Amino acid sequence: MYYNKVEICGVNTSKLKTLTDEEKTELLNRTKKGDMQARQELIYGNLRLVLSIIQRFTGRRDNMDDLFQVGCIGLIKAVDNFKTELNVKFSTYAVPMIIGEIRRYLRDNNSIRISRSVRDLAYRSLQMREQLTRERESEPSVDDIAGKLGEDRDAVLHSMEAIIEPISLYEPVYSENGDSIYVIDQLSDSNYSDENWLESIALRDAMKKLTDRERSIINMRFYKNKTQMEIAEEIGISQAQVSRLEKGAIEKMRKQI
């Protein structure tokens, strides 16, 4: 994991320098005069800023070395475009530049390609949603957004759904005592019906070998198509315990069959 990583992109993060506001101002002034050594010192002296920003993206599967390099590009752009006459701190200007660069990278490297027209409509829709939310102090409907934009409701809805980043069915959503609950565990399966289960004599006999609690969980999970969360609430135990009991029961049944 990133938090335990000392070196990233060949840079020893434990030895990065931190500049004072006075040092930043001096280096910025020298950089604007064409001093490339000052520019290099300014960039290197703000790498901790890049590191702090990419921490908010650590939940993703993206390579942190790649994100660090992209963040450095944003930092370099901030150094080259910052105006010393502005009455703002350099970090105040640099942070959105770095975040913007990382977000563009993540968007453009998404495994699911979205057409530019759909993406543009989605961003306009999101901006309109924010505007209407501020004006009305309540969440607008898709119809409201589409009406304000003069666009088809279904097109707006499709565009906003298209830019939502998909997650794996095996993405962990909760852990307890080493047992993880995955997205797939949150879903009921309508393919399992009473008829399919009862037609299997071997399966029915295997269920007789289970404890009352295990049999109850299997019955609710696959006969009644309930989620693990629903079962946990009904029998008064945690979802992690339901998951553990379900897996144990299935393993017992497999051995019997």
Protein backbone atom coordinates (compact mmCIF):
# COMPACT_ATOMS: atom_id res chain seq x y z
CA MET A 1 0.00 0.00 0.00
CA TYR A 2 1.05 3.58 -0.60
CA TYR A 3 1.08 4.59 3.07
CA ASN A 4 3.95 2.19 3.79
CA LYS A 5 5.87 3.14 0.69
CA VAL A 6 8.98 5.25 1.21
CA GLU A 7 10.06 5.38 -2.43
CA ILE A 8 7.77 6.37 -5.28
CA CYS A 9 8.96 6.89 -8.85
CA GLY A 10 12.52 6.62 -7.55
CA VAL A 11 11.98 9.48 -5.07
CA ASN A 12 12.66 8.86 -1.39
CA THR A 13 9.56 10.50 0.11
CA SER A 14 11.01 10.52 3.61
CA LYS A 15 13.73 12.95 2.53
CA LEU A 16 11.67 15.45 0.57
CA LYS A 17 12.34 19.07 1.44
CA THR A 18 9.60 21.40 2.67
CA LEU A 19 9.88 25.03 1.59
CA THR A 20 8.84 28.01 3.72
CA ASP A 21 6.57 30.68 2.22
CA GLU A 22 9.58 33.01 1.97
CA GLU A 23 11.62 30.41 0.10
CA LYS A 24 8.74 29.75 -2.29
CA THR A 25 8.35 33.46 -3.02
CA GLU A 26 12.06 33.86 -3.68
CA LEU A 27 12.18 30.80 -5.96
CA LEU A 28 9.05 31.92 -7.83
CA ASN A 29 10.56 35.34 -8.49
CA ARG A 30 13.79 33.79 -9.71
CA THR A 31 11.88 31.30 -11.87
CA LYS A 32 9.95 34.10 -13.57
CA LYS A 33 13.30 35.64 -14.49
CA GLY A 34 14.35 32.45 -16.26
CA ASP A 35 16.38 30.82 -13.49
CA MET A 36 15.97 27.10 -14.31
CA GLN A 37 17.80 26.01 -11.16
CA ALA A 38 15.26 27.91 -9.06
CA ARG A 39 12.44 26.30 -11.07
CA GLN A 40 13.84 22.84 -10.36
CA GLU A 41 14.20 23.61 -6.65
CA LEU A 42 10.64 24.94 -6.54
CA ILE A 43 9.25 21.80 -8.17
CA TYR A 44 11.23 19.45 -5.96
CA GLY A 45 10.33 21.48 -2.88
CA ASN A 46 6.60 20.98 -3.57
CA LEU A 47 6.58 17.23 -4.21
CA ARG A 48 5.09 16.69 -0.74
CA LEU A 49 2.09 18.65 -1.97
CA VAL A 50 1.66 16.14 -4.82
CA LEU A 51 1.99 13.24 -2.38
CA SER A 52 -0.66 14.66 -0.08
CA ILE A 53 -3.07 15.06 -3.00
CA ILE A 54 -2.69 11.56 -4.45
CA GLN A 55 -3.52 10.09 -1.02
CA ARG A 56 -7.18 10.82 -1.69
CA PHE A 57 -6.98 8.48 -4.69
CA THR A 58 -5.47 5.52 -2.79
CA GLY A 59 -8.76 3.57 -2.82
CA ARG A 60 -8.45 3.10 -6.57
CA ARG A 61 -6.59 0.36 -8.46
CA ASP A 62 -4.52 2.85 -10.40
CA ASN A 63 -0.74 2.61 -10.03
CA MET A 64 0.34 5.23 -7.50
CA ASP A 65 3.61 5.81 -9.34
CA ASP A 66 1.59 6.79 -12.41
CA LEU A 67 -0.64 9.12 -10.38
CA PHE A 68 2.42 10.71 -8.79
CA GLN A 69 3.95 11.41 -12.21
CA VAL A 70 0.68 12.88 -13.46
CA GLY A 71 0.44 15.01 -10.32
CA CYS A 72 3.97 16.27 -10.98
CA ILE A 73 2.86 17.40 -14.43
CA GLY A 74 0.12 19.42 -12.76
CA LEU A 75 2.68 20.88 -10.36
CA ILE A 76 4.99 21.88 -13.22
CA LYS A 77 2.09 23.57 -15.01
CA ALA A 78 1.29 25.46 -11.81
CA VAL A 79 4.91 26.62 -11.49
CA ASP A 80 5.04 27.77 -15.10
CA ASN A 81 1.68 29.54 -15.06
CA PHE A 82 1.61 31.05 -11.58
CA LYS A 83 1.60 34.84 -11.53
CA THR A 84 3.64 36.26 -8.66
CA GLU A 85 1.54 39.43 -8.65
CA LEU A 86 -1.51 37.43 -7.55
CA ASN A 87 -2.32 37.88 -3.88
CA VAL A 88 -2.63 34.13 -3.23
CA LYS A 89 -0.37 31.41 -1.91
CA PHE A 90 1.28 29.19 -4.47
CA SER A 91 -0.29 26.07 -2.92
CA THR A 92 -3.76 27.60 -3.26
CA TYR A 93 -3.14 27.91 -6.99
CA ALA A 94 -1.28 24.61 -7.41
CA VAL A 95 -3.71 22.23 -5.66
CA PRO A 96 -6.60 22.53 -8.18
CA MET A 97 -4.09 22.34 -11.04
CA ILE A 98 -2.68 19.06 -9.70
CA ILE A 99 -6.12 17.58 -8.94
CA GLY A 100 -7.38 18.60 -12.38
CA GLU A 101 -4.46 16.88 -14.09
CA ILE A 102 -5.04 13.67 -12.14
CA ARG A 103 -8.77 13.68 -12.85
CA ARG A 104 -8.17 14.18 -16.58
CA TYR A 105 -5.77 11.25 -16.53
CA LEU A 106 -8.27 9.00 -14.73
CA ARG A 107 -11.06 10.05 -17.07
CA ASP A 108 -9.03 9.55 -20.26
CA ASN A 109 -7.64 6.20 -19.10
CA ASN A 110 -10.96 4.74 -18.03
CA SER A 111 -11.30 1.21 -19.44
CA ILE A 112 -14.81 2.09 -20.63
CA ARG A 113 -14.61 4.62 -23.42
CA ILE A 114 -17.30 7.29 -23.47
CA SER A 115 -17.90 9.49 -26.49
CA ARG A 116 -16.99 13.16 -26.14
CA SER A 117 -20.58 14.28 -26.84
CA VAL A 118 -21.96 12.07 -24.05
CA ARG A 119 -19.23 13.19 -21.65
CA ASP A 120 -19.80 16.87 -22.47
CA LEU A 121 -23.55 16.50 -21.89
CA ALA A 122 -22.86 14.76 -18.58
CA TYR A 123 -20.62 17.59 -17.36
CA ARG A 124 -23.15 20.23 -18.44
CA SER A 125 -25.84 18.25 -16.64
CA LEU A 126 -23.77 18.07 -13.46
CA GLN A 127 -23.09 21.81 -13.59
CA MET A 128 -26.79 22.51 -14.07
CA ARG A 129 -27.66 20.19 -11.18
CA GLU A 130 -25.29 22.13 -8.91
CA GLN A 131 -26.73 25.44 -10.09
CA LEU A 132 -30.34 24.36 -9.53
CA THR A 133 -29.44 22.87 -6.14
CA ARG A 134 -27.99 26.20 -5.03
CA GLU A 135 -30.99 28.15 -6.34
CA ARG A 136 -33.68 25.86 -4.92
CA GLU A 137 -31.79 24.42 -1.94
CA SER A 138 -33.01 20.98 -2.96
CA GLU A 139 -31.94 18.25 -5.38
CA PRO A 140 -33.45 18.83 -8.87
CA SER A 141 -34.99 16.00 -10.88
CA VAL A 142 -33.62 14.78 -14.20
CA ASP A 143 -36.62 16.42 -15.87
CA ASP A 144 -35.66 19.77 -14.31
CA ILE A 145 -32.08 19.46 -15.52
CA ALA A 146 -33.08 18.38 -19.02
CA GLY A 147 -35.62 21.19 -19.26
CA LYS A 148 -33.06 23.84 -18.32
CA LEU A 149 -30.54 22.45 -20.81
CA GLY A 150 -33.10 21.97 -23.57
CA GLU A 151 -32.02 18.35 -23.92
CA ASP A 152 -33.91 15.05 -24.06
CA ARG A 153 -34.52 13.60 -20.59
CA ASP A 154 -33.29 10.11 -21.50
CA ALA A 155 -30.13 11.53 -23.09
CA VAL A 156 -29.34 13.48 -19.91
CA LEU A 157 -30.00 10.44 -17.71
CA HIS A 158 -27.86 8.21 -19.93
CA SER A 159 -24.96 10.67 -19.96
CA MET A 160 -24.92 11.06 -16.17
CA GLU A 161 -24.98 7.29 -15.69
CA ALA A 162 -22.25 6.80 -18.30
CA ILE A 163 -19.59 8.73 -16.37
CA ILE A 164 -20.16 6.83 -13.12
CA GLU A 165 -17.09 4.69 -12.61
CA PRO A 166 -17.98 0.97 -12.43
CA ILE A 167 -16.74 -1.15 -9.53
CA SER A 168 -15.92 -4.83 -9.38
CA LEU A 169 -18.45 -7.28 -7.95
CA TYR A 170 -15.60 -8.43 -5.74
CA GLU A 171 -14.86 -4.96 -4.34
CA PRO A 172 -14.81 -5.27 -0.51
CA VAL A 173 -17.39 -3.04 1.16
CA TYR A 174 -16.99 -4.15 4.79
CA SER A 175 -14.61 -6.26 6.87
CA GLU A 176 -14.93 -7.79 10.33
CA ASN A 177 -12.43 -10.09 12.06
CA GLY A 178 -10.71 -10.85 8.78
CA ASP A 179 -13.95 -11.67 6.93
CA SER A 180 -14.83 -9.37 4.06
CA ILE A 181 -18.21 -8.54 2.56
CA TYR A 182 -18.05 -7.99 -1.20
CA VAL A 183 -20.41 -6.20 -3.57
CA ILE A 184 -21.58 -9.55 -4.94
CA ASP A 185 -22.67 -10.56 -1.44
CA GLN A 186 -25.10 -7.64 -1.41
CA LEU A 187 -27.02 -9.03 -4.38
CA SER A 188 -29.84 -11.53 -4.32
CA ASP A 189 -29.93 -14.18 -7.05
CA SER A 190 -33.30 -14.70 -8.71
CA ASN A 191 -31.95 -17.67 -10.70
CA TYR A 192 -32.35 -19.88 -7.64
CA SER A 193 -35.98 -20.89 -7.19
CA ASP A 194 -37.71 -23.36 -4.87
CA GLU A 195 -38.33 -25.73 -7.78
CA ASN A 196 -34.65 -25.83 -8.78
CA TRP A 197 -33.54 -26.64 -5.25
CA LEU A 198 -36.25 -29.16 -4.35
CA GLU A 199 -35.75 -31.12 -7.57
CA SER A 200 -32.29 -32.09 -6.35
CA ILE A 201 -32.59 -34.94 -3.87
CA ALA A 202 -28.87 -34.88 -3.17
CA LEU A 203 -29.01 -31.21 -2.35
CA ARG A 204 -32.00 -31.69 -0.07
CA ASP A 205 -30.24 -34.48 1.79
CA ALA A 206 -27.13 -32.33 2.14
CA MET A 207 -29.20 -29.57 3.75
CA LYS A 208 -30.34 -32.03 6.43
CA LYS A 209 -26.73 -32.23 7.62
CA LEU A 210 -26.64 -28.50 8.38
CA THR A 211 -27.37 -26.89 11.73
CA ASP A 212 -30.70 -25.14 12.17
CA ARG A 213 -29.07 -21.71 11.78
CA GLU A 214 -27.13 -22.74 8.67
CA ARG A 215 -30.23 -24.27 7.11
CA SER A 216 -32.22 -21.13 7.89
CA ILE A 217 -29.60 -18.90 6.26
CA ILE A 218 -29.39 -21.07 3.12
CA ASN A 219 -33.18 -21.15 2.93
CA MET A 220 -33.51 -17.36 3.17
CA ARG A 221 -30.54 -16.69 0.92
CA PHE A 222 -31.43 -19.00 -1.96
CA TYR A 223 -35.08 -19.96 -1.53
CA LYS A 224 -36.34 -16.52 -0.60
CA ASN A 225 -33.65 -14.54 -2.49
CA LYS A 226 -32.77 -12.33 0.47
CA THR A 227 -29.51 -10.41 0.72
CA GLN A 228 -27.05 -11.06 3.52
CA MET A 229 -27.94 -7.69 5.05
CA GLU A 230 -31.64 -8.60 5.17
CA ILE A 231 -30.83 -11.97 6.75
CA ALA A 232 -28.55 -10.35 9.33
CA GLU A 233 -31.29 -7.93 10.39
CA GLU A 234 -33.87 -10.71 10.58
CA ILE A 235 -31.90 -13.14 12.75
CA GLY A 236 -30.00 -10.52 14.76
CA ILE A 237 -26.35 -11.13 13.85
CA SER A 238 -23.80 -9.17 11.80
CA GLN A 239 -23.59 -9.40 8.03
CA ALA A 240 -20.03 -10.71 8.35
CA GLN A 241 -21.32 -13.58 10.50
CA VAL A 242 -24.02 -14.35 7.93
CA SER A 243 -21.38 -14.44 5.21
CA ARG A 244 -19.14 -16.76 7.25
CA LEU A 245 -22.02 -19.13 8.11
CA GLU A 246 -23.25 -19.17 4.51
CA LYS A 247 -19.82 -20.06 3.14
CA GLY A 248 -19.37 -22.76 5.78
CA ALA A 249 -22.79 -24.25 5.02
CA ILE A 250 -22.15 -24.34 1.30
CA GLU A 251 -18.81 -26.05 1.87
CA LYS A 252 -20.51 -28.70 4.03
CA MET A 253 -23.12 -29.30 1.32
CA ARG A 254 -20.46 -29.64 -1.35
CA LYS A 255 -18.71 -32.34 0.66
CA GLN A 256 -22.00 -34.21 1.19
CA ILE A 257 -22.92 -34.04 -2.50
